[in-house]
Amino acid sequence: MTVAAPLWRRWALALWLLVMASALAVVQVSHLCRQRYSELASLQRQENRLQVQWGQYLLEQSSWASLTRIEAIAQDKLGMQVPETDDVVMVKP
C-alpha cells in the first residue's frame, strides 16, 4: 500500500515549480531586454550616421547652388559676362 504525499509537500512542489518558471521568465525577459537595447543602440548609431550624411548633402547642395559657381559656369560655358556700366540701359516705365 502506498502512502500519498502529505498535502504540504504537494504545495511545496507546486510553489517550487512556480518559482522556477518565474526565474526562467525573468531570464528570458532580461535577455530580450538586452537584445532590444542593443537594437536601439544600433539604430541610434545609424541615425547619427544618416544625420551626418544629410548635413554633408546639404552642404554639397549649397555649394552647387552658390552664386559664384553659377556665375563661373555662365562665363565659361555660355560666354556670358557682367555688362559694363556704359552698356546698361535704364528703362523708365
Protein backbone atom coordinates (compact mmCIF):
# COMPACT_ATOMS: atom_id res chain seq x y z
CA MET A 1 0.00 0.00 0.00
CA THR A 2 1.39 3.40 -1.00
CA VAL A 3 1.10 6.35 1.21
CA ALA A 4 0.11 9.59 -0.54
CA ALA A 5 2.44 12.50 -0.07
CA PRO A 6 1.26 14.93 2.53
CA LEU A 7 -0.59 17.96 1.25
CA TRP A 8 2.17 20.39 2.30
CA ARG A 9 4.68 18.53 0.10
CA ARG A 10 2.40 18.89 -2.89
CA TRP A 11 2.05 22.59 -2.21
CA ALA A 12 5.80 22.94 -1.74
CA LEU A 13 6.46 21.16 -5.04
CA ALA A 14 3.90 23.34 -6.82
CA LEU A 15 5.40 26.51 -5.34
CA TRP A 16 8.92 25.35 -6.23
CA LEU A 17 7.82 24.75 -9.85
CA LEU A 18 6.21 28.20 -9.98
CA VAL A 19 9.37 29.84 -8.60
CA MET A 20 11.48 28.03 -11.22
CA ALA A 21 9.10 29.06 -14.01
CA SER A 22 9.20 32.64 -12.74
CA ALA A 23 13.00 32.60 -12.65
CA LEU A 24 13.16 31.31 -16.22
CA ALA A 25 10.72 34.01 -17.29
CA VAL A 26 12.92 36.69 -15.66
CA VAL A 27 15.96 35.34 -17.52
CA GLN A 28 14.04 35.32 -20.81
CA VAL A 29 12.75 38.87 -20.34
CA SER A 30 16.20 40.13 -19.34
CA HIS A 31 17.69 38.58 -22.46
CA LEU A 32 15.00 40.13 -24.68
CA CYS A 33 15.50 43.49 -22.98
CA ARG A 34 19.24 43.38 -23.70
CA GLN A 35 18.57 42.41 -27.31
CA ARG A 36 16.13 45.27 -27.79
CA TYR A 37 18.52 47.74 -26.15
CA SER A 38 21.30 46.56 -28.46
CA GLU A 39 19.00 47.08 -31.46
CA LEU A 40 18.10 50.54 -30.16
CA ALA A 41 21.76 51.50 -29.79
CA SER A 42 22.47 50.21 -33.30
CA LEU A 43 19.58 52.21 -34.74
CA GLN A 44 20.72 55.33 -32.90
CA ARG A 45 24.23 54.94 -34.37
CA GLN A 46 22.66 54.54 -37.81
CA GLU A 47 20.55 57.65 -37.21
CA ASN A 48 23.66 59.63 -36.28
CA ARG A 49 25.46 58.47 -39.43
CA LEU A 50 22.45 59.41 -41.55
CA GLN A 51 22.23 62.83 -39.89
CA VAL A 52 25.90 63.47 -40.70
CA GLN A 53 25.37 62.30 -44.27
CA TRP A 54 22.29 64.54 -44.61
CA GLY A 55 24.31 67.51 -43.40
CA GLN A 56 27.02 66.73 -45.95
CA TYR A 57 24.40 66.56 -48.70
CA LEU A 58 23.01 69.93 -47.64
CA LEU A 59 26.50 71.45 -47.75
CA GLU A 60 27.09 69.92 -51.16
CA GLN A 61 23.76 71.23 -52.42
CA SER A 62 24.53 74.73 -51.19
CA SER A 63 27.95 74.66 -52.84
CA TRP A 64 26.43 73.55 -56.16
CA ALA A 65 23.94 76.39 -55.98
CA SER A 66 26.38 79.11 -54.92
CA LEU A 67 26.24 82.31 -56.94
CA THR A 68 29.97 82.35 -57.66
CA ARG A 69 29.80 78.85 -59.13
CA ILE A 70 26.77 79.73 -61.26
CA GLU A 71 28.48 82.91 -62.44
CA ALA A 72 31.65 80.99 -63.33
CA ILE A 73 29.66 78.42 -65.32
CA ALA A 74 27.73 81.19 -67.06
CA GLN A 75 31.00 82.84 -68.08
CA ASP A 76 32.84 79.66 -69.09
CA LYS A 77 30.17 77.58 -70.81
CA LEU A 78 27.70 80.20 -72.02
CA GLY A 79 30.09 83.06 -72.69
CA MET A 80 28.09 85.44 -70.52
CA GLN A 81 29.69 88.41 -68.84
CA VAL A 82 28.79 91.21 -66.48
CA PRO A 83 27.81 94.24 -68.58
CA GLU A 84 29.93 97.35 -68.46
CA THR A 85 28.39 100.46 -66.98
CA ASP A 86 28.07 102.06 -70.42
CA ASP A 87 26.16 99.01 -71.70
CA VAL A 88 23.43 99.24 -69.05
CA VAL A 89 20.24 100.86 -70.34
CA MET A 90 17.69 102.18 -67.86
CA VAL A 91 14.08 101.82 -68.97
CA LYS A 92 11.55 104.20 -67.47
CA PRO A 93 8.00 102.93 -67.01
